[in-house]
Amino acid sequence: MGLLTKIKYETAIKSCKDITPENILTMLRDVRSEIGKLQPTFAQLNLTEVLTVVENENYIVQDTIPTQVNLSNANSAVKAYRKGSEGGCQSCVNLNRETIDAQDASSGLYCGVFDPDYNQKTGVRYQGFSPKIRKHYENPCGDWNPKFSLPLAELVKENLLSVSG
């Protein structure tokens, strides 16, 4: 086994409130630029290719002494963006918005339809999502309003088109 240098990429995105479409694109460009300093051919990759590298969490720059770049911080930001832009309830701004039915004072989570968060037969609160909410957790309902404007693949693709067009 030979020598291997390990370095870690630190993103400027420090918390969930820093995750925006613009900051994700900036981070991907920064990853491309920073690794491009070690391996100039990396600087020629498009953002879709950089995203693939980030999602793999590690990249090895082959040189006299190989350098492993840990991209786990960037990958965490990408995962958080995906969670807020793709899927169903988990990416919807309406999730956890509680509603109260004036008729019987029952409460529930809002997700396209009102659904009491307790079993009406037994009066016991559900653990996790109620059945109606659970069915929309990954597949959005008609009132789906994602936290971020575009899914990550579309955001990167749109950026590629605006750069090349």
N, C-alpha and C. Protein backbone atom coordinates (compact mmCIF):
# COMPACT_ATOMS: atom_id res chain seq x y z
N MET A 1 0.85 -1.18 0.00
CA MET A 1 0.00 0.00 0.00
C MET A 1 0.88 1.23 0.00
N GLY A 2 0.59 2.16 -0.85
CA GLY A 2 1.37 3.39 -0.96
C GLY A 2 0.78 4.52 -0.13
N LEU A 3 1.31 5.69 -0.37
CA LEU A 3 0.84 6.88 0.33
C LEU A 3 -0.50 7.35 -0.24
N LEU A 4 -1.33 7.92 0.63
CA LEU A 4 -2.61 8.50 0.23
C LEU A 4 -2.85 9.72 1.11
N THR A 5 -3.06 10.85 0.47
CA THR A 5 -3.38 12.08 1.20
C THR A 5 -4.89 12.19 1.28
N LYS A 6 -5.41 12.59 2.43
CA LYS A 6 -6.85 12.76 2.60
C LYS A 6 -7.12 14.22 2.95
N ILE A 7 -8.08 14.81 2.21
CA ILE A 7 -8.50 16.17 2.51
C ILE A 7 -10.03 16.20 2.52
N LYS A 8 -10.58 17.20 3.17
CA LYS A 8 -12.03 17.31 3.30
C LYS A 8 -12.50 18.63 2.73
N TYR A 9 -13.50 18.57 1.87
CA TYR A 9 -14.11 19.78 1.32
C TYR A 9 -15.10 20.33 2.34
N GLU A 10 -14.96 21.59 2.67
CA GLU A 10 -15.88 22.27 3.59
C GLU A 10 -16.76 23.20 2.79
N THR A 11 -18.06 23.01 2.88
CA THR A 11 -18.99 23.84 2.15
C THR A 11 -19.34 25.11 2.93
N ALA A 12 -19.73 26.15 2.23
CA ALA A 12 -20.16 27.39 2.88
C ALA A 12 -21.57 27.24 3.44
N ILE A 13 -22.26 26.18 3.05
CA ILE A 13 -23.61 25.91 3.57
C ILE A 13 -23.45 25.29 4.95
N LYS A 14 -23.83 26.05 5.96
CA LYS A 14 -23.61 25.60 7.34
C LYS A 14 -24.86 25.08 8.03
N SER A 15 -26.05 25.47 7.55
CA SER A 15 -27.28 25.01 8.19
C SER A 15 -28.38 24.89 7.15
N CYS A 16 -29.50 24.33 7.56
CA CYS A 16 -30.63 24.13 6.64
C CYS A 16 -31.12 25.44 6.04
N LYS A 17 -31.06 26.52 6.80
CA LYS A 17 -31.54 27.80 6.28
C LYS A 17 -30.65 28.34 5.15
N ASP A 18 -29.43 27.81 5.04
CA ASP A 18 -28.52 28.22 3.96
C ASP A 18 -28.76 27.46 2.66
N ILE A 19 -29.60 26.44 2.71
CA ILE A 19 -29.82 25.62 1.51
C ILE A 19 -30.85 26.30 0.62
N THR A 20 -30.37 26.78 -0.52
CA THR A 20 -31.21 27.41 -1.53
C THR A 20 -30.73 26.89 -2.89
N PRO A 21 -31.56 27.02 -3.92
CA PRO A 21 -31.10 26.58 -5.25
C PRO A 21 -29.80 27.28 -5.66
N GLU A 22 -29.71 28.58 -5.40
CA GLU A 22 -28.51 29.33 -5.78
C GLU A 22 -27.27 28.84 -5.02
N ASN A 23 -27.43 28.57 -3.72
CA ASN A 23 -26.29 28.11 -2.92
C ASN A 23 -25.84 26.71 -3.33
N ILE A 24 -26.78 25.86 -3.72
CA ILE A 24 -26.41 24.51 -4.18
C ILE A 24 -25.61 24.61 -5.48
N LEU A 25 -26.07 25.44 -6.41
CA LEU A 25 -25.32 25.62 -7.66
C LEU A 25 -23.95 26.21 -7.40
N THR A 26 -23.87 27.20 -6.51
CA THR A 26 -22.58 27.81 -6.15
C THR A 26 -21.65 26.76 -5.55
N MET A 27 -22.19 25.90 -4.69
CA MET A 27 -21.38 24.86 -4.05
C MET A 27 -20.85 23.89 -5.10
N LEU A 28 -21.69 23.47 -6.06
CA LEU A 28 -21.23 22.55 -7.10
C LEU A 28 -20.14 23.18 -7.95
N ARG A 29 -20.28 24.46 -8.27
CA ARG A 29 -19.23 25.17 -9.02
C ARG A 29 -17.95 25.25 -8.21
N ASP A 30 -18.10 25.47 -6.90
CA ASP A 30 -16.93 25.56 -6.02
C ASP A 30 -16.21 24.22 -5.92
N VAL A 31 -16.96 23.13 -5.81
CA VAL A 31 -16.35 21.80 -5.79
C VAL A 31 -15.56 21.58 -7.07
N ARG A 32 -16.16 21.94 -8.21
CA ARG A 32 -15.49 21.79 -9.50
C ARG A 32 -14.20 22.61 -9.52
N SER A 33 -14.26 23.83 -9.05
CA SER A 33 -13.09 24.71 -9.05
C SER A 33 -11.99 24.21 -8.11
N GLU A 34 -12.38 23.83 -6.90
CA GLU A 34 -11.39 23.40 -5.90
C GLU A 34 -10.68 22.10 -6.30
N ILE A 35 -11.46 21.11 -6.76
CA ILE A 35 -10.82 19.87 -7.19
C ILE A 35 -10.05 20.13 -8.49
N GLY A 36 -10.54 21.06 -9.30
CA GLY A 36 -9.84 21.44 -10.53
C GLY A 36 -8.46 22.00 -10.27
N LYS A 37 -8.22 22.56 -9.09
CA LYS A 37 -6.87 23.04 -8.73
C LYS A 37 -5.90 21.88 -8.56
N LEU A 38 -6.44 20.73 -8.12
CA LEU A 38 -5.60 19.54 -7.94
C LEU A 38 -5.49 18.72 -9.22
N GLN A 39 -6.59 18.71 -9.98
CA GLN A 39 -6.64 17.93 -11.23
C GLN A 39 -7.34 18.81 -12.27
N PRO A 40 -6.58 19.50 -13.11
CA PRO A 40 -7.15 20.46 -14.06
C PRO A 40 -8.27 19.92 -14.94
N THR A 41 -8.25 18.64 -15.28
CA THR A 41 -9.32 18.10 -16.13
C THR A 41 -10.66 18.10 -15.41
N PHE A 42 -10.66 18.08 -14.09
CA PHE A 42 -11.91 18.09 -13.31
C PHE A 42 -12.65 19.42 -13.52
N ALA A 43 -11.90 20.48 -13.72
CA ALA A 43 -12.50 21.80 -13.92
C ALA A 43 -13.32 21.87 -15.21
N GLN A 44 -13.15 20.90 -16.09
CA GLN A 44 -13.90 20.86 -17.35
C GLN A 44 -15.22 20.11 -17.25
N LEU A 45 -15.48 19.46 -16.12
CA LEU A 45 -16.72 18.70 -15.95
C LEU A 45 -17.92 19.62 -15.91
N ASN A 46 -19.06 19.13 -16.40
CA ASN A 46 -20.29 19.92 -16.26
C ASN A 46 -20.87 19.64 -14.87
N LEU A 47 -21.85 20.42 -14.46
CA LEU A 47 -22.39 20.32 -13.10
C LEU A 47 -23.10 19.00 -12.83
N THR A 48 -23.64 18.37 -13.86
CA THR A 48 -24.26 17.05 -13.67
C THR A 48 -23.20 16.04 -13.26
N GLU A 49 -22.04 16.10 -13.89
CA GLU A 49 -20.94 15.20 -13.55
C GLU A 49 -20.39 15.51 -12.16
N VAL A 50 -20.31 16.77 -11.81
CA VAL A 50 -19.84 17.17 -10.48
C VAL A 50 -20.83 16.66 -9.42
N LEU A 51 -22.12 16.79 -9.71
CA LEU A 51 -23.15 16.30 -8.78
C LEU A 51 -22.98 14.80 -8.52
N THR A 52 -22.70 14.04 -9.56
CA THR A 52 -22.48 12.60 -9.42
C THR A 52 -21.30 12.33 -8.49
N VAL A 53 -20.22 13.09 -8.67
CA VAL A 53 -19.04 12.93 -7.81
C VAL A 53 -19.40 13.27 -6.36
N VAL A 54 -20.12 14.37 -6.15
CA VAL A 54 -20.50 14.79 -4.80
C VAL A 54 -21.36 13.71 -4.14
N GLU A 55 -22.28 13.13 -4.89
CA GLU A 55 -23.15 12.12 -4.31
C GLU A 55 -22.41 10.82 -3.98
N ASN A 56 -21.24 10.62 -4.56
CA ASN A 56 -20.41 9.47 -4.20
C ASN A 56 -19.59 9.73 -2.94
N GLU A 57 -19.55 10.97 -2.49
CA GLU A 57 -18.91 11.44 -1.25
C GLU A 57 -17.39 11.45 -1.25
N ASN A 58 -16.75 10.73 -2.12
CA ASN A 58 -15.28 10.72 -2.15
C ASN A 58 -14.82 10.76 -3.60
N TYR A 59 -13.71 11.46 -3.79
CA TYR A 59 -13.12 11.53 -5.12
C TYR A 59 -11.62 11.39 -4.94
N ILE A 60 -11.00 10.55 -5.75
CA ILE A 60 -9.55 10.37 -5.65
C ILE A 60 -8.88 11.03 -6.84
N VAL A 61 -8.00 11.96 -6.54
CA VAL A 61 -7.19 12.64 -7.56
C VAL A 61 -5.93 11.82 -7.72
N GLN A 62 -5.75 11.27 -8.91
CA GLN A 62 -4.57 10.45 -9.17
C GLN A 62 -3.40 11.37 -9.51
N ASP A 63 -2.37 11.28 -8.70
CA ASP A 63 -1.17 12.08 -8.88
C ASP A 63 -0.01 11.24 -8.36
N THR A 64 1.15 11.84 -8.21
CA THR A 64 2.30 11.11 -7.66
C THR A 64 1.90 10.48 -6.33
N ILE A 65 1.27 11.29 -5.49
CA ILE A 65 0.67 10.79 -4.26
C ILE A 65 -0.84 11.04 -4.41
N PRO A 66 -1.63 9.97 -4.53
CA PRO A 66 -3.08 10.15 -4.70
C PRO A 66 -3.69 10.93 -3.53
N THR A 67 -4.69 11.74 -3.85
CA THR A 67 -5.38 12.54 -2.84
C THR A 67 -6.85 12.17 -2.85
N GLN A 68 -7.35 11.77 -1.68
CA GLN A 68 -8.77 11.45 -1.54
C GLN A 68 -9.47 12.69 -0.99
N VAL A 69 -10.48 13.17 -1.74
CA VAL A 69 -11.24 14.35 -1.32
C VAL A 69 -12.56 13.85 -0.72
N ASN A 70 -12.76 14.16 0.55
CA ASN A 70 -13.99 13.80 1.25
C ASN A 70 -15.03 14.89 0.97
N LEU A 71 -16.12 14.51 0.32
CA LEU A 71 -17.17 15.45 -0.05
C LEU A 71 -18.45 15.22 0.75
N SER A 72 -18.33 14.67 1.95
CA SER A 72 -19.51 14.33 2.74
C SER A 72 -20.33 15.56 3.13
N ASN A 73 -19.68 16.70 3.40
CA ASN A 73 -20.44 17.91 3.73
C ASN A 73 -21.26 18.38 2.55
N ALA A 74 -20.68 18.36 1.36
CA ALA A 74 -21.41 18.75 0.16
C ALA A 74 -22.54 17.77 -0.11
N ASN A 75 -22.30 16.48 0.11
CA ASN A 75 -23.32 15.47 -0.10
C ASN A 75 -24.49 15.68 0.86
N SER A 76 -24.22 16.06 2.09
CA SER A 76 -25.29 16.33 3.06
C SER A 76 -26.18 17.48 2.58
N ALA A 77 -25.58 18.51 2.02
CA ALA A 77 -26.36 19.64 1.50
C ALA A 77 -27.21 19.20 0.31
N VAL A 78 -26.65 18.36 -0.55
CA VAL A 78 -27.39 17.85 -1.70
C VAL A 78 -28.57 17.00 -1.24
N LYS A 79 -28.35 16.14 -0.25
CA LYS A 79 -29.43 15.30 0.28
C LYS A 79 -30.54 16.16 0.87
N ALA A 80 -30.17 17.20 1.61
CA ALA A 80 -31.18 18.09 2.20
C ALA A 80 -31.97 18.82 1.12
N TYR A 81 -31.27 19.25 0.05
CA TYR A 81 -31.97 19.91 -1.04
C TYR A 81 -32.94 18.94 -1.71
N ARG A 82 -32.48 17.72 -1.97
CA ARG A 82 -33.36 16.72 -2.60
C ARG A 82 -34.60 16.48 -1.74
N LYS A 83 -34.39 16.38 -0.44
CA LYS A 83 -35.51 16.12 0.47
C LYS A 83 -36.52 17.27 0.42
N GLY A 84 -36.05 18.48 0.16
CA GLY A 84 -36.94 19.63 0.12
C GLY A 84 -37.45 19.99 -1.26
N SER A 85 -37.12 19.18 -2.27
CA SER A 85 -37.57 19.53 -3.62
C SER A 85 -38.19 18.36 -4.38
N GLU A 86 -38.08 17.18 -3.83
CA GLU A 86 -38.57 16.00 -4.54
C GLU A 86 -39.45 15.17 -3.62
N GLY A 87 -40.37 14.46 -4.18
CA GLY A 87 -41.19 13.56 -3.40
C GLY A 87 -42.51 14.16 -2.99
N GLY A 88 -42.98 13.76 -1.86
CA GLY A 88 -44.29 14.17 -1.40
C GLY A 88 -44.22 15.04 -0.17
N CYS A 89 -44.88 14.58 0.88
CA CYS A 89 -45.02 15.39 2.10
C CYS A 89 -43.68 15.84 2.68
N GLN A 90 -42.66 14.99 2.59
CA GLN A 90 -41.38 15.35 3.20
C GLN A 90 -40.77 16.60 2.58
N SER A 91 -41.19 16.97 1.38
CA SER A 91 -40.64 18.16 0.74
C SER A 91 -41.65 19.31 0.68
N CYS A 92 -42.79 19.14 1.31
CA CYS A 92 -43.87 20.12 1.20
C CYS A 92 -43.85 21.10 2.37
N VAL A 93 -44.06 22.36 2.06
CA VAL A 93 -44.10 23.37 3.13
C VAL A 93 -45.32 23.18 4.02
N ASN A 94 -46.33 22.44 3.55
CA ASN A 94 -47.53 22.23 4.35
C ASN A 94 -47.40 21.11 5.38
N LEU A 95 -46.35 20.30 5.28
CA LEU A 95 -46.18 19.22 6.24
C LEU A 95 -46.04 19.78 7.65
N ASN A 96 -46.69 19.16 8.58
CA ASN A 96 -46.70 19.53 9.99
C ASN A 96 -47.53 20.78 10.27
N ARG A 97 -48.21 21.29 9.25
CA ARG A 97 -49.13 22.38 9.51
C ARG A 97 -50.36 21.73 10.12
N GLU A 98 -50.64 22.06 11.35
CA GLU A 98 -51.75 21.43 12.04
C GLU A 98 -53.06 22.15 11.74
N THR A 99 -54.09 21.36 11.55
CA THR A 99 -55.42 21.92 11.35
C THR A 99 -56.32 21.45 12.48
N ILE A 100 -57.29 22.24 12.82
CA ILE A 100 -58.25 21.87 13.86
C ILE A 100 -59.64 21.96 13.27
N ASP A 101 -60.38 20.87 13.40
CA ASP A 101 -61.74 20.81 12.90
C ASP A 101 -62.66 21.48 13.92
N ALA A 102 -63.33 22.54 13.52
CA ALA A 102 -64.20 23.28 14.44
C ALA A 102 -65.39 22.45 14.90
N GLN A 103 -65.80 21.45 14.12
CA GLN A 103 -66.94 20.61 14.48
C GLN A 103 -66.68 19.79 15.74
N ASP A 104 -65.55 19.09 15.75
CA ASP A 104 -65.29 18.21 16.90
C ASP A 104 -63.96 18.48 17.60
N ALA A 105 -63.30 19.57 17.24
CA ALA A 105 -62.03 19.99 17.85
C ALA A 105 -60.91 18.98 17.65
N SER A 106 -61.04 18.10 16.63
CA SER A 106 -59.96 17.15 16.37
C SER A 106 -58.87 17.85 15.57
N SER A 107 -57.65 17.44 15.78
CA SER A 107 -56.53 18.05 15.07
C SER A 107 -55.91 17.03 14.13
N GLY A 108 -55.18 17.52 13.14
CA GLY A 108 -54.52 16.62 12.22
C GLY A 108 -53.51 17.36 11.37
N LEU A 109 -52.73 16.61 10.65
CA LEU A 109 -51.75 17.20 9.76
C LEU A 109 -52.40 17.52 8.43
N TYR A 110 -52.01 18.62 7.82
CA TYR A 110 -52.55 19.02 6.53
C TYR A 110 -51.69 18.42 5.42
N CYS A 111 -52.34 17.76 4.50
CA CYS A 111 -51.65 17.23 3.34
C CYS A 111 -52.67 16.97 2.26
N GLY A 112 -53.20 18.01 1.69
CA GLY A 112 -54.20 17.87 0.64
C GLY A 112 -55.59 17.65 1.18
N VAL A 113 -55.70 16.90 2.25
CA VAL A 113 -56.99 16.65 2.89
C VAL A 113 -56.78 16.72 4.39
N PHE A 114 -57.80 17.10 5.11
CA PHE A 114 -57.71 17.09 6.57
C PHE A 114 -57.74 15.64 7.02
N ASP A 115 -56.90 15.31 7.95
CA ASP A 115 -56.89 13.95 8.49
C ASP A 115 -56.57 14.02 9.98
N PRO A 116 -57.50 13.62 10.82
CA PRO A 116 -57.20 13.63 12.26
C PRO A 116 -55.96 12.78 12.53
N ASP A 117 -55.14 13.22 13.45
CA ASP A 117 -53.92 12.46 13.73
C ASP A 117 -54.12 11.45 14.84
N TYR A 118 -55.36 11.06 15.05
CA TYR A 118 -55.62 9.98 16.00
C TYR A 118 -56.64 9.03 15.38
N ASN A 119 -56.63 7.80 15.86
CA ASN A 119 -57.56 6.80 15.39
C ASN A 119 -58.92 7.10 16.00
N GLN A 120 -59.91 7.41 15.18
CA GLN A 120 -61.21 7.84 15.69
C GLN A 120 -61.92 6.71 16.43
N LYS A 121 -61.64 5.47 16.10
CA LYS A 121 -62.31 4.34 16.77
C LYS A 121 -61.79 4.17 18.19
N THR A 122 -60.47 4.25 18.36
CA THR A 122 -59.88 4.00 19.68
C THR A 122 -59.57 5.29 20.43
N GLY A 123 -59.49 6.42 19.70
CA GLY A 123 -59.15 7.68 20.34
C GLY A 123 -57.66 7.82 20.63
N VAL A 124 -56.84 6.89 20.14
CA VAL A 124 -55.39 6.92 20.39
C VAL A 124 -54.70 7.62 19.23
N ARG A 125 -53.74 8.49 19.54
CA ARG A 125 -53.00 9.20 18.50
C ARG A 125 -52.12 8.22 17.74
N TYR A 126 -52.01 8.46 16.41
CA TYR A 126 -51.13 7.63 15.58
C TYR A 126 -49.69 7.92 15.94
N GLN A 127 -48.85 6.92 15.82
CA GLN A 127 -47.42 7.15 15.90
C GLN A 127 -46.97 7.41 14.48
N GLY A 128 -46.34 8.55 14.24
CA GLY A 128 -45.95 8.91 12.89
C GLY A 128 -47.14 9.48 12.15
N PHE A 129 -47.24 9.17 10.87
CA PHE A 129 -48.30 9.71 10.04
C PHE A 129 -49.57 8.88 10.12
N SER A 130 -50.70 9.53 9.95
CA SER A 130 -51.96 8.81 9.83
C SER A 130 -51.98 8.12 8.46
N PRO A 131 -52.87 7.16 8.25
CA PRO A 131 -52.91 6.45 6.96
C PRO A 131 -53.09 7.37 5.75
N LYS A 132 -53.94 8.39 5.84
CA LYS A 132 -54.15 9.28 4.70
C LYS A 132 -52.88 10.07 4.38
N ILE A 133 -52.20 10.52 5.41
CA ILE A 133 -50.97 11.29 5.21
C ILE A 133 -49.87 10.37 4.68
N ARG A 134 -49.75 9.18 5.22
CA ARG A 134 -48.70 8.25 4.82
C ARG A 134 -48.74 7.97 3.31
N LYS A 135 -49.95 7.88 2.73
CA LYS A 135 -50.03 7.56 1.30
C LYS A 135 -49.47 8.68 0.43
N HIS A 136 -49.39 9.89 0.96
CA HIS A 136 -48.84 11.01 0.19
C HIS A 136 -47.39 11.33 0.56
N TYR A 137 -46.82 10.58 1.47
CA TYR A 137 -45.48 10.94 1.96
C TYR A 137 -44.46 10.99 0.83
N GLU A 138 -44.50 10.03 -0.09
CA GLU A 138 -43.54 10.03 -1.20
C GLU A 138 -44.15 10.50 -2.52
N ASN A 139 -45.45 10.45 -2.65
CA ASN A 139 -46.13 10.87 -3.87
C ASN A 139 -47.03 12.04 -3.55
N PRO A 140 -46.73 13.21 -4.09
CA PRO A 140 -47.44 14.42 -3.67
C PRO A 140 -48.93 14.42 -3.99
N CYS A 141 -49.66 15.14 -3.18
CA CYS A 141 -51.08 15.34 -3.41
C CYS A 141 -51.27 16.61 -4.24
N GLY A 142 -52.50 16.99 -4.45
CA GLY A 142 -52.80 18.16 -5.28
C GLY A 142 -52.37 19.49 -4.67
N ASP A 143 -52.19 19.54 -3.37
CA ASP A 143 -51.78 20.78 -2.71
C ASP A 143 -50.29 20.84 -2.42
N TRP A 144 -49.52 20.00 -3.10
CA TRP A 144 -48.07 19.92 -2.85
C TRP A 144 -47.40 21.23 -3.21
N ASN A 145 -46.63 21.75 -2.30
CA ASN A 145 -45.89 23.00 -2.48
C ASN A 145 -44.47 22.77 -1.96
N PRO A 146 -43.52 22.41 -2.87
CA PRO A 146 -42.17 22.05 -2.41
C PRO A 146 -41.43 23.23 -1.79
N LYS A 147 -40.52 22.91 -0.88
CA LYS A 147 -39.71 23.94 -0.21
C LYS A 147 -38.77 24.63 -1.19
N PHE A 148 -38.28 23.88 -2.18
CA PHE A 148 -37.37 24.44 -3.17
C PHE A 148 -38.01 24.34 -4.54
N SER A 149 -37.75 25.33 -5.38
CA SER A 149 -38.46 25.51 -6.63
C SER A 149 -38.30 24.37 -7.64
N LEU A 150 -37.13 23.82 -7.78
CA LEU A 150 -36.90 22.78 -8.79
C LEU A 150 -36.23 21.56 -8.17
N PRO A 151 -36.60 20.35 -8.63
CA PRO A 151 -35.82 19.18 -8.22
C PRO A 151 -34.37 19.38 -8.67
N LEU A 152 -33.45 18.77 -7.97
CA LEU A 152 -32.03 18.99 -8.20
C LEU A 152 -31.61 18.69 -9.64
N ALA A 153 -32.07 17.60 -10.21
CA ALA A 153 -31.69 17.26 -11.59
C ALA A 153 -32.14 18.36 -12.56
N GLU A 154 -33.35 18.89 -12.36
CA GLU A 154 -33.85 19.96 -13.23
C GLU A 154 -33.08 21.26 -13.01
N LEU A 155 -32.74 21.55 -11.75
CA LEU A 155 -31.97 22.75 -11.44
C LEU A 155 -30.63 22.74 -12.15
N VAL A 156 -29.93 21.61 -12.08
CA VAL A 156 -28.62 21.47 -12.72
C VAL A 156 -28.77 21.50 -14.23
N LYS A 157 -29.79 20.80 -14.76
CA LYS A 157 -30.01 20.77 -16.20
C LYS A 157 -30.35 22.18 -16.73
N GLU A 158 -31.22 22.89 -16.00
CA GLU A 158 -31.58 24.26 -16.41
C GLU A 158 -30.35 25.17 -16.41
N ASN A 159 -29.49 24.97 -15.43
CA ASN A 159 -28.27 25.77 -15.35
C ASN A 159 -27.34 25.45 -16.53
N LEU A 160 -27.26 24.17 -16.92
CA LEU A 160 -26.43 23.79 -18.06
C LEU A 160 -26.95 24.45 -19.34
N LEU A 161 -28.29 24.47 -19.50
CA LEU A 161 -28.86 25.06 -20.70
C LEU A 161 -28.64 26.57 -20.74
N SER A 162 -28.74 27.22 -19.58
CA SER A 162 -28.55 28.69 -19.55
C SER A 162 -27.09 29.06 -19.79
N VAL A 163 -26.16 28.19 -19.40
CA VAL A 163 -24.75 28.46 -19.61
C VAL A 163 -24.37 28.23 -21.07
N SER A 164 -24.90 27.14 -21.66
CA SER A 164 -24.53 26.81 -23.04
C SER A 164 -25.36 27.56 -24.08
N GLY A 165 -26.57 28.04 -23.67
CA GLY A 165 -27.45 28.67 -24.63
C GLY A 165 -27.30 30.14 -24.75
